[in-house]
C-alpha atoms as a PDB file:
ATOM      1  CA  MET A   1     -23.718  33.434   8.734  1.00  0.00           C
ATOM      2  CA  SER A   2     -20.438  31.565   7.635  1.00  0.00           C
ATOM      3  CA  ASN A   3     -20.212  27.743   8.767  1.00  0.00           C
ATOM      4  CA  PRO A   4     -16.907  27.146  10.323  1.00  0.00           C
ATOM      5  CA  GLY A   5     -16.452  23.596   9.407  1.00  0.00           C
ATOM      6  CA  ILE A   6     -17.108  20.619  11.256  1.00  0.00           C
ATOM      7  CA  PRO A   7     -13.931  18.874  12.945  1.00  0.00           C
ATOM      8  CA  LYS A   8     -13.571  15.200  11.064  1.00  0.00           C
ATOM      9  CA  THR A   9     -12.796  11.809  12.781  1.00  0.00           C
ATOM     10  CA  TYR A  10     -10.548   9.866  10.682  1.00  0.00           C
ATOM     11  CA  LYS A  11     -10.903   6.314  10.884  1.00  0.00           C
ATOM     12  CA  LEU A  12      -8.814   3.435   9.438  1.00  0.00           C
ATOM     13  CA  PHE A  13      -9.730   1.777   6.193  1.00  0.00           C
ATOM     14  CA  ILE A  14     -10.692  -2.646   6.360  1.00  0.00           C
ATOM     15  CA  GLY A  15     -12.255  -4.172   4.303  1.00  0.00           C
ATOM     16  CA  GLY A  16     -13.774  -1.573   2.234  1.00  0.00           C
ATOM     17  CA  LYS A  17     -14.870   0.027   5.451  1.00  0.00           C
ATOM     18  CA  PHE A  18     -14.034   2.826   7.941  1.00  0.00           C
ATOM     19  CA  PRO A  19     -14.567   1.182  11.105  1.00  0.00           C
ATOM     20  CA  ARG A  20     -13.297   3.081  14.477  1.00  0.00           C
ATOM     21  CA  THR A  21      -9.824   1.487  16.522  1.00  0.00           C
ATOM     22  CA  GLU A  22     -11.489  -0.995  18.622  1.00  0.00           C
ATOM     23  CA  SER A  23      -8.859   0.468  21.424  1.00  0.00           C
ATOM     24  CA  GLY A  24     -11.012   3.898  21.459  1.00  0.00           C
ATOM     25  CA  ARG A  25      -7.383   5.541  20.989  1.00  0.00           C
ATOM     26  CA  ILE A  26      -6.738   8.557  19.065  1.00  0.00           C
ATOM     27  CA  LEU A  27      -4.303  10.340  17.243  1.00  0.00           C
ATOM     28  CA  GLU A  28      -4.507  14.275  17.842  1.00  0.00           C
ATOM     29  CA  VAL A  29      -3.647  16.057  14.575  1.00  0.00           C
ATOM     30  CA  THR A  30      -2.280  19.720  15.058  1.00  0.00           C
ATOM     31  CA  GLY A  31      -1.135  22.566  12.946  1.00  0.00           C
ATOM     32  CA  PRO A  32       2.043  24.136  12.620  1.00  0.00           C
ATOM     33  CA  LYS A  33       0.964  26.161  15.460  1.00  0.00           C
ATOM     34  CA  GLY A  34       0.063  23.275  17.355  1.00  0.00           C
ATOM     35  CA  GLU A  35      -3.857  24.004  16.790  1.00  0.00           C
ATOM     36  CA  PHE A  36      -5.908  20.935  16.885  1.00  0.00           C
ATOM     37  CA  LEU A  37      -7.448  19.664  13.603  1.00  0.00           C
ATOM     38  CA  ALA A  38      -8.882  16.879  13.906  1.00  0.00           C
ATOM     39  CA  ASN A  39      -8.834  13.185  15.352  1.00  0.00           C
ATOM     40  CA  ALA A  40      -7.165  10.084  13.663  1.00  0.00           C
ATOM     41  CA  SER A  41      -7.366   6.569  14.735  1.00  0.00           C
ATOM     42  CA  ARG A  42      -4.728   5.031  16.469  1.00  0.00           C
ATOM     43  CA  ALA A  43      -4.320   1.577  15.026  1.00  0.00           C
ATOM     44  CA  SER A  44      -4.341  -1.474  17.409  1.00  0.00           C
ATOM     45  CA  ARG A  45      -2.417  -5.068  17.304  1.00  0.00           C
ATOM     46  CA  LYS A  46      -6.385  -6.476  17.100  1.00  0.00           C
ATOM     47  CA  ASP A  47      -6.996  -3.614  14.361  1.00  0.00           C
ATOM     48  CA  PHE A  48      -3.744  -5.143  11.716  1.00  0.00           C
ATOM     49  CA  ARG A  49      -5.062  -8.680  12.745  1.00  0.00           C
ATOM     50  CA  ASN A  50      -8.638  -7.911  11.657  1.00  0.00           C
ATOM     51  CA  SER A  51      -6.536  -6.380   8.338  1.00  0.00           C
ATOM     52  CA  VAL A  52      -4.571  -9.109   7.775  1.00  0.00           C
ATOM     53  CA  VAL A  53      -8.236 -11.435   8.002  1.00  0.00           C
ATOM     54  CA  ALA A  54      -9.640  -8.945   5.419  1.00  0.00           C
ATOM     55  CA  ALA A  55      -6.633  -8.617   3.229  1.00  0.00           C
ATOM     56  CA  ARG A  56      -6.334 -12.369   3.206  1.00  0.00           C
ATOM     57  CA  LYS A  57      -9.712 -13.099   2.561  1.00  0.00           C
ATOM     58  CA  ALA A  58      -9.634 -10.606  -0.705  1.00  0.00           C
ATOM     59  CA  SER A  59      -6.100 -11.863  -1.888  1.00  0.00           C
ATOM     60  CA  GLY A  60      -7.756 -15.301  -3.907  1.00  0.00           C
ATOM     61  CA  SER A  61     -10.123 -13.539  -6.243  1.00  0.00           C
ATOM     62  CA  TRP A  62      -7.631  -9.930  -6.953  1.00  0.00           C
ATOM     63  CA  ALA A  63      -4.850 -12.307  -7.495  1.00  0.00           C
ATOM     64  CA  GLY A  64      -6.983 -14.056  -9.881  1.00  0.00           C
ATOM     65  CA  ALA A  65      -8.086 -10.861 -11.485  1.00  0.00           C
ATOM     66  CA  THR A  66      -7.077 -10.034 -15.224  1.00  0.00           C
ATOM     67  CA  ALA A  67      -4.592  -7.887 -15.664  1.00  0.00           C
ATOM     68  CA  TYR A  68      -6.597  -5.488 -17.602  1.00  0.00           C
ATOM     69  CA  LEU A  69      -9.157  -5.168 -14.981  1.00  0.00           C
ATOM     70  CA  LYS A  70      -5.949  -4.638 -12.473  1.00  0.00           C
ATOM     71  CA  GLY A  71      -5.002  -1.728 -14.622  1.00  0.00           C
ATOM     72  CA  GLN A  72      -8.367  -0.025 -15.198  1.00  0.00           C
ATOM     73  CA  ILE A  73      -8.836   0.041 -11.365  1.00  0.00           C
ATOM     74  CA  LEU A  74      -5.872   1.973 -10.622  1.00  0.00           C
ATOM     75  CA  TYR A  75      -6.512   4.098 -13.415  1.00  0.00           C
ATOM     76  CA  ARG A  76      -9.693   4.463 -12.090  1.00  0.00           C
ATOM     77  CA  ILE A  77      -8.255   5.346  -8.624  1.00  0.00           C
ATOM     78  CA  ALA A  78      -5.938   8.437 -10.534  1.00  0.00           C
ATOM     79  CA  GLU A  79      -9.448   9.618 -12.610  1.00  0.00           C
ATOM     80  CA  VAL A  80     -10.850   9.936  -8.820  1.00  0.00           C
ATOM     81  CA  LEU A  81      -7.921  11.468  -6.979  1.00  0.00           C
ATOM     82  CA  ASP A  82      -7.394  13.928  -9.692  1.00  0.00           C
ATOM     83  CA  GLY A  83     -11.298  15.402  -9.422  1.00  0.00           C
ATOM     84  CA  ARG A  84     -10.443  15.616  -5.545  1.00  0.00           C
ATOM     85  CA  LYS A  85      -7.282  17.730  -5.908  1.00  0.00           C
ATOM     86  CA  ASP A  86      -8.703  20.512  -4.092  1.00  0.00           C
ATOM     87  CA  GLN A  87      -9.567  18.594  -1.199  1.00  0.00           C
ATOM     88  CA  PHE A  88      -6.229  17.364  -0.799  1.00  0.00           C
ATOM     89  CA  VAL A  89      -4.516  20.910  -1.099  1.00  0.00           C
ATOM     90  CA  LYS A  90      -6.540  22.008   1.725  1.00  0.00           C
ATOM     91  CA  GLU A  91      -5.772  19.433   4.091  1.00  0.00           C
ATOM     92  CA  MET A  92      -2.062  19.477   3.371  1.00  0.00           C
ATOM     93  CA  SER A  93      -2.376  23.469   3.359  1.00  0.00           C
ATOM     94  CA  LEU A  94      -3.665  22.951   7.371  1.00  0.00           C
ATOM     95  CA  LEU A  95      -0.085  21.092   8.248  1.00  0.00           C
ATOM     96  CA  GLY A  96       1.761  24.068   7.298  1.00  0.00           C
ATOM     97  CA  VAL A  97       2.733  22.439   3.362  1.00  0.00           C
ATOM     98  CA  SER A  98       2.682  25.254   0.447  1.00  0.00           C
ATOM     99  CA  SER A  99      -0.319  24.938  -2.330  1.00  0.00           C
ATOM    100  CA  LYS A 100       3.099  24.358  -4.298  1.00  0.00           C
ATOM    101  CA  SER A 101       4.221  21.705  -2.954  1.00  0.00           C
ATOM    102  CA  ALA A 102       0.702  19.952  -2.413  1.00  0.00           C
ATOM    103  CA  MET A 103      -0.026  19.953  -5.813  1.00  0.00           C
ATOM    104  CA  GLU A 104       2.990  18.489  -6.518  1.00  0.00           C
ATOM    105  CA  ASP A 105       2.683  15.574  -3.979  1.00  0.00           C
ATOM    106  CA  ILE A 106      -0.925  14.807  -6.113  1.00  0.00           C
ATOM    107  CA  VAL A 107      -0.009  15.183  -9.119  1.00  0.00           C
ATOM    108  CA  ALA A 108       3.228  13.070  -8.407  1.00  0.00           C
ATOM    109  CA  SER A 109       0.871  10.238  -7.272  1.00  0.00           C
ATOM    110  CA  ILE A 110      -1.203  10.786  -9.966  1.00  0.00           C
ATOM    111  CA  ASP A 111       1.241   9.871 -11.964  1.00  0.00           C
ATOM    112  CA  LEU A 112       2.738   6.644 -10.290  1.00  0.00           C
ATOM    113  CA  LEU A 113      -1.239   5.499 -10.616  1.00  0.00           C
ATOM    114  CA  VAL A 114      -1.384   5.829 -14.389  1.00  0.00           C
ATOM    115  CA  HIS A 115       2.526   4.541 -14.526  1.00  0.00           C
ATOM    116  CA  TYR A 116       1.509   1.428 -12.717  1.00  0.00           C
ATOM    117  CA  ALA A 117      -1.481   0.904 -14.526  1.00  0.00           C
ATOM    118  CA  GLY A 118       0.335   0.515 -17.846  1.00  0.00           C
ATOM    119  CA  TRP A 119       2.201  -2.332 -15.943  1.00  0.00           C
ATOM    120  CA  SER A 120       0.023  -4.380 -14.891  1.00  0.00           C
ATOM    121  CA  ASP A 121      -0.241  -6.415 -18.334  1.00  0.00           C
ATOM    122  CA  LYS A 122       3.663  -5.742 -19.169  1.00  0.00           C
ATOM    123  CA  TYR A 123       5.539  -6.711 -16.105  1.00  0.00           C
ATOM    124  CA  GLN A 124       4.755 -10.597 -17.033  1.00  0.00           C
ATOM    125  CA  GLN A 125       6.577 -10.567 -20.212  1.00  0.00           C
ATOM    126  CA  LEU A 126       9.484  -8.503 -18.916  1.00  0.00           C
ATOM    127  CA  PHE A 127       9.446 -11.221 -15.887  1.00  0.00           C
ATOM    128  CA  SER A 128       8.982 -14.468 -17.265  1.00  0.00           C
ATOM    129  CA  SER A 129      11.308 -16.368 -19.369  1.00  0.00           C
ATOM    130  CA  VAL A 130      11.222 -19.702 -21.690  1.00  0.00           C
ATOM    131  CA  ASN A 131      14.612 -21.825 -19.678  1.00  0.00           C
ATOM    132  CA  PRO A 132      17.010 -23.875 -21.625  1.00  0.00           C
ATOM    133  CA  VAL A 133      17.390 -27.579 -20.507  1.00  0.00           C
ATOM    134  CA  SER A 134      18.749 -30.649 -21.377  1.00  0.00           C
ATOM    135  CA  SER A 135      15.528 -32.861 -21.380  1.00  0.00           C
ATOM    136  CA  PRO A 136      12.868 -32.914 -23.819  1.00  0.00           C
ATOM    137  CA  HIS A 137      10.976 -30.470 -21.560  1.00  0.00           C
ATOM    138  CA  PHE A 138       9.427 -27.293 -22.484  1.00  0.00           C
ATOM    139  CA  THR A 139      10.135 -24.729 -19.162  1.00  0.00           C
ATOM    140  CA  PHE A 140       8.563 -21.708 -18.411  1.00  0.00           C
ATOM    141  CA  SER A 141       9.318 -19.104 -15.006  1.00  0.00           C
ATOM    142  CA  VAL A 142       6.292 -16.795 -14.701  1.00  0.00           C
ATOM    143  CA  PRO A 143       5.685 -14.421 -12.157  1.00  0.00           C
ATOM    144  CA  GLU A 144       3.043 -14.984  -9.329  1.00  0.00           C
ATOM    145  CA  PRO A 145       1.582 -12.898  -6.570  1.00  0.00           C
ATOM    146  CA  SER A 146       2.674 -13.269  -2.735  1.00  0.00           C
ATOM    147  CA  GLY A 147      -0.551 -12.881  -1.456  1.00  0.00           C
ATOM    148  CA  VAL A 148      -1.016 -10.554   2.048  1.00  0.00           C
ATOM    149  CA  VAL A 149       2.026  -7.887   1.900  1.00  0.00           C
ATOM    150  CA  GLY A 150       2.625  -5.589   4.977  1.00  0.00           C
ATOM    151  CA  VAL A 151       3.723  -2.009   3.828  1.00  0.00           C
ATOM    152  CA  VAL A 152       4.987   0.609   6.027  1.00  0.00           C
ATOM    153  CA  ALA A 153       5.039   4.111   4.449  1.00  0.00           C
ATOM    154  CA  PRO A 154       7.602   6.731   4.010  1.00  0.00           C
ATOM    155  CA  SER A 155       7.181   8.657   7.499  1.00  0.00           C
ATOM    156  CA  ASP A 156       6.846  11.698   5.782  1.00  0.00           C
ATOM    157  CA  GLY A 157       3.317  11.145   4.919  1.00  0.00           C
ATOM    158  CA  SER A 158       3.047  12.379   1.645  1.00  0.00           C
ATOM    159  CA  LEU A 159       0.535  11.254  -0.516  1.00  0.00           C
ATOM    160  CA  ALA A 160       3.085  10.122  -3.160  1.00  0.00           C
ATOM    161  CA  GLY A 161       5.552   8.237  -1.040  1.00  0.00           C
ATOM    162  CA  LEU A 162       2.107   6.037   0.534  1.00  0.00           C
ATOM    163  CA  VAL A 163       1.104   5.658  -3.370  1.00  0.00           C
ATOM    164  CA  SER A 164       4.736   4.821  -4.585  1.00  0.00           C
ATOM    165  CA  ALA A 165       4.821   1.960  -1.782  1.00  0.00           C
ATOM    166  CA  MET A 166       1.422   0.702  -2.386  1.00  0.00           C
ATOM    167  CA  ALA A 167       0.462   0.522  -6.106  1.00  0.00           C
ATOM    168  CA  PRO A 168       3.647  -1.912  -7.457  1.00  0.00           C
ATOM    169  CA  ILE A 169       2.362  -4.156  -5.002  1.00  0.00           C
ATOM    170  CA  VAL A 170      -1.344  -4.231  -5.916  1.00  0.00           C
ATOM    171  CA  VAL A 171      -0.751  -4.072  -9.070  1.00  0.00           C
ATOM    172  CA  GLY A 172       1.016  -7.418  -9.125  1.00  0.00           C
ATOM    173  CA  GLY A 173      -1.900  -9.138  -7.274  1.00  0.00           C
ATOM    174  CA  ASN A 174      -1.052  -8.544  -3.739  1.00  0.00           C
ATOM    175  CA  SER A 175      -3.250  -7.414  -1.132  1.00  0.00           C
ATOM    176  CA  ALA A 176      -2.136  -5.064   0.865  1.00  0.00           C
ATOM    177  CA  VAL A 177      -2.281  -3.682   4.415  1.00  0.00           C
ATOM    178  CA  VAL A 178      -0.295  -0.536   4.739  1.00  0.00           C
ATOM    179  CA  LEU A 179       0.558   1.207   7.944  1.00  0.00           C
ATOM    180  CA  VAL A 180       1.048   5.405   8.048  1.00  0.00           C
ATOM    181  CA  SER A 181       2.797   6.935  10.462  1.00  0.00           C
ATOM    182  CA  GLY A 182       2.753  10.514   9.219  1.00  0.00           C
ATOM    183  CA  ASN A 183      -0.068  12.518   8.172  1.00  0.00           C
ATOM    184  CA  PRO A 184      -2.893  10.644   8.366  1.00  0.00           C
ATOM    185  CA  LEU A 185      -5.341  13.266   6.633  1.00  0.00           C
ATOM    186  CA  SER A 186      -4.339  12.376   3.244  1.00  0.00           C
ATOM    187  CA  ALA A 187      -3.892   9.319   3.802  1.00  0.00           C
ATOM    188  CA  ILE A 188      -7.614   8.527   4.943  1.00  0.00           C
ATOM    189  CA  SER A 189      -9.101  10.836   2.252  1.00  0.00           C
ATOM    190  CA  PHE A 190      -6.708   8.498  -0.381  1.00  0.00           C
ATOM    191  CA  ALA A 191      -8.899   5.596   1.316  1.00  0.00           C
ATOM    192  CA  GLU A 192     -12.060   7.400   0.581  1.00  0.00           C
ATOM    193  CA  VAL A 193     -10.912   7.746  -3.159  1.00  0.00           C
ATOM    194  CA  LEU A 194     -10.003   4.085  -3.021  1.00  0.00           C
ATOM    195  CA  ALA A 195     -13.636   3.385  -1.914  1.00  0.00           C
ATOM    196  CA  THR A 196     -15.366   4.763  -4.466  1.00  0.00           C
ATOM    197  CA  SER A 197     -12.952   3.356  -6.882  1.00  0.00           C
ATOM    198  CA  ASP A 198     -13.694   0.237  -7.935  1.00  0.00           C
ATOM    199  CA  VAL A 199     -11.207  -1.336  -5.361  1.00  0.00           C
ATOM    200  CA  PRO A 200     -12.537  -4.681  -3.824  1.00  0.00           C
ATOM    201  CA  GLY A 201     -13.208  -4.485  -0.191  1.00  0.00           C
ATOM    202  CA  GLY A 202      -9.892  -6.110   1.398  1.00  0.00           C
ATOM    203  CA  VAL A 203      -7.233  -5.617  -1.323  1.00  0.00           C
ATOM    204  CA  ILE A 204      -6.018  -2.474  -0.175  1.00  0.00           C
ATOM    205  CA  ASN A 205      -6.490  -1.814   3.848  1.00  0.00           C
ATOM    206  CA  ILE A 206      -4.933   1.384   5.008  1.00  0.00           C
ATOM    207  CA  LEU A 207      -3.940   1.758   9.338  1.00  0.00           C
ATOM    208  CA  THR A 208      -2.990   5.109  11.073  1.00  0.00           C
ATOM    209  CA  GLY A 209      -0.818   4.398  13.916  1.00  0.00           C
ATOM    210  CA  LEU A 210       2.619   3.939  15.800  1.00  0.00           C
ATOM    211  CA  ARG A 211       5.527   2.621  14.366  1.00  0.00           C
ATOM    212  CA  ALA A 212       7.014   1.573  17.157  1.00  0.00           C
ATOM    213  CA  GLU A 213       3.726  -0.377  18.325  1.00  0.00           C
ATOM    214  CA  LEU A 214       3.150  -1.909  14.699  1.00  0.00           C
ATOM    215  CA  VAL A 215       5.926  -2.560  13.153  1.00  0.00           C
ATOM    216  CA  PRO A 216       6.661  -5.627  14.656  1.00  0.00           C
ATOM    217  CA  GLU A 217       3.433  -7.404  14.450  1.00  0.00           C
ATOM    218  CA  PHE A 218       3.730  -6.492  10.868  1.00  0.00           C
ATOM    219  CA  ALA A 219       7.244  -8.454  10.976  1.00  0.00           C
ATOM    220  CA  ARG A 220       6.094 -11.703  12.920  1.00  0.00           C
ATOM    221  CA  HIS A 221       2.505 -12.144  11.976  1.00  0.00           C
ATOM    222  CA  MET A 222       2.411 -15.703  10.239  1.00  0.00           C
ATOM    223  CA  ASP A 223      -0.202 -14.927   7.482  1.00  0.00           C
ATOM    224  CA  VAL A 224       1.545 -11.712   6.482  1.00  0.00           C
ATOM    225  CA  ASN A 225       4.179 -13.441   3.155  1.00  0.00           C
ATOM    226  CA  ALA A 226       5.883 -10.495   2.777  1.00  0.00           C
ATOM    227  CA  LEU A 227       6.832  -6.781   3.935  1.00  0.00           C
ATOM    228  CA  LEU A 228       7.803  -3.293   2.383  1.00  0.00           C
ATOM    229  CA  LEU A 229       9.951  -0.934   5.085  1.00  0.00           C
ATOM    230  CA  CYS A 230      10.725   2.454   4.465  1.00  0.00           C
ATOM    231  CA  SER A 231      12.999   2.851   6.742  1.00  0.00           C
ATOM    232  CA  ASP A 232      16.213   5.019   7.402  1.00  0.00           C
ATOM    233  CA  ASP A 233      16.431   3.216  10.978  1.00  0.00           C
ATOM    234  CA  ALA A 234      19.602   1.017  11.007  1.00  0.00           C
ATOM    235  CA  GLU A 235      17.671  -0.583  14.298  1.00  0.00           C
ATOM    236  CA  GLU A 236      14.319  -0.732  13.025  1.00  0.00           C
ATOM    237  CA  ARG A 237      15.238  -2.236   9.770  1.00  0.00           C
ATOM    238  CA  LYS A 238      17.419  -4.829  11.928  1.00  0.00           C
ATOM    239  CA  ASN A 239      14.701  -5.840  14.268  1.00  0.00           C
ATOM    240  CA  THR A 240      12.297  -6.156  11.719  1.00  0.00           C
ATOM    241  CA  GLU A 241      14.420  -8.632   9.675  1.00  0.00           C
ATOM    242  CA  LEU A 242      14.930 -10.654  12.904  1.00  0.00           C
ATOM    243  CA  GLU A 243      11.255 -10.682  13.798  1.00  0.00           C
ATOM    244  CA  ALA A 244      10.464 -12.001  10.454  1.00  0.00           C
ATOM    245  CA  VAL A 245      12.623 -14.880  10.565  1.00  0.00           C
ATOM    246  CA  GLU A 246      10.545 -17.048  12.295  1.00  0.00           C
ATOM    247  CA  ASN A 247       8.040 -17.006   9.402  1.00  0.00           C
ATOM    248  CA  LEU A 248      10.728 -17.111   6.668  1.00  0.00           C
ATOM    249  CA  LYS A 249       8.652 -13.991   5.166  1.00  0.00           C
ATOM    250  CA  ARG A 250      10.220 -11.639   2.647  1.00  0.00           C
ATOM    251  CA  VAL A 251      11.216  -8.271   3.381  1.00  0.00           C
ATOM    252  CA  ALA A 252      12.194  -5.788   1.582  1.00  0.00           C
ATOM    253  CA  LEU A 253      14.229  -2.389   2.761  1.00  0.00           C
ATOM    254  CA  SER A 254      13.496   0.955   0.890  1.00  0.00           C
ATOM    255  CA  PRO A 255      14.980   4.257   2.567  1.00  0.00           C
ATOM    256  CA  ASP A 256      12.270   6.573   4.213  1.00  0.00           C
ATOM    257  CA  GLN A 257      10.835   8.214   1.311  1.00  0.00           C
ATOM    258  CA  ALA A 258       8.770   7.848  -1.748  1.00  0.00           C
ATOM    259  CA  LEU A 259      10.147   4.690  -4.067  1.00  0.00           C
ATOM    260  CA  THR A 260      10.945   5.474  -8.006  1.00  0.00           C
ATOM    261  CA  GLN A 261       8.840   4.267 -10.443  1.00  0.00           C
ATOM    262  CA  SER A 262      10.434   1.086 -11.728  1.00  0.00           C
ATOM    263  CA  PRO A 263       9.013  -2.371 -12.740  1.00  0.00           C
ATOM    264  CA  TYR A 264      11.107  -3.797 -10.475  1.00  0.00           C
ATOM    265  CA  HIS A 265       9.554  -2.855  -7.692  1.00  0.00           C
ATOM    266  CA  ILE A 266       6.259  -5.237  -8.454  1.00  0.00           C
ATOM    267  CA  CYS A 267       8.556  -7.871  -8.823  1.00  0.00           C
ATOM    268  CA  ASP A 268       9.752  -7.560  -5.041  1.00  0.00           C
ATOM    269  CA  PHE A 269       6.993  -9.331  -4.506  1.00  0.00           C
ATOM    270  CA  GLN A 270       6.063 -12.039  -7.086  1.00  0.00           C
ATOM    271  CA  GLU A 271       7.269 -15.346  -6.452  1.00  0.00           C
ATOM    272  CA  ILE A 272       8.691 -17.258  -9.621  1.00  0.00           C
ATOM    273  CA  LYS A 273       6.801 -20.242 -10.571  1.00  0.00           C
ATOM    274  CA  THR A 274       8.256 -23.209 -12.771  1.00  0.00           C
ATOM    275  CA  THR A 275       6.431 -25.405 -14.971  1.00  0.00           C
ATOM    276  CA  TRP A 276       7.687 -28.030 -16.962  1.00  0.00           C
ATOM    277  CA  HIS A 277       5.991 -29.924 -19.644  1.00  0.00           C
ATOM    278  CA  PRO A 278       7.331 -32.993 -22.355  1.00  0.00           C
ATOM    279  CA  VAL A 279       7.579 -32.470 -25.679  1.00  0.00           C
ATOM    280  CA  GLY A 280       5.435 -33.153 -28.094  1.00  0.00           C
ATOM    281  CA  VAL A 281       2.368 -34.137 -25.467  1.00  0.00           C
END
């Protein structure tokens, strides 16, 4: 007798664990013909606040980790993802994505992780400087992580879109709270990859939910230091920037698609610290 498979309930990923949403709400995931595939948790505002608490708790130790360690962990994520390609292809095919397109998405995600793993000990040299001054001092400007960064991933639900937004933020020493409003299957399966890839709990948190409900919370929360919004909606962009004004949150706007590979995406979520030191002391 063949095993028809067990319908899966996709949970949230907060603080390195997989809790159900506190609200008990779900997002019903269906196939291209409307057939039921799975239930995914619909994150609430309280789930988001819990994610920020977990991200803040992890931010200090992650920011202080060596560049070598951060790069090794991102590379390990790529290794584990590479070993689970077949699972991701199967999940994407359930949603009507061709096997070829699914594999291209996964390979692009792996390439992004390896790319940013390589930048972990190099972006500092690119964005640091020794500044000329007219007094007898040395002055150095160096990048430091912003802290907790909210990420509204591209709405197409692609794995490459999620990874392209998350990886440069995390390799720069920030902790992240990521909202996925598209395909939740790949997002939470990717969270399972993270959970087995030496990523400290709370460094990356993944919520599945509705943009209209949660994006304003991302923008106005006082303990979120910066926000990446992948959106083509002019009204959503404007409202998010207005909501972020009160706490002077940095908002980086990007088209609603996967980000290109670039170390400047790392720099978008770095603060520049300048140190003065007297000459000869």
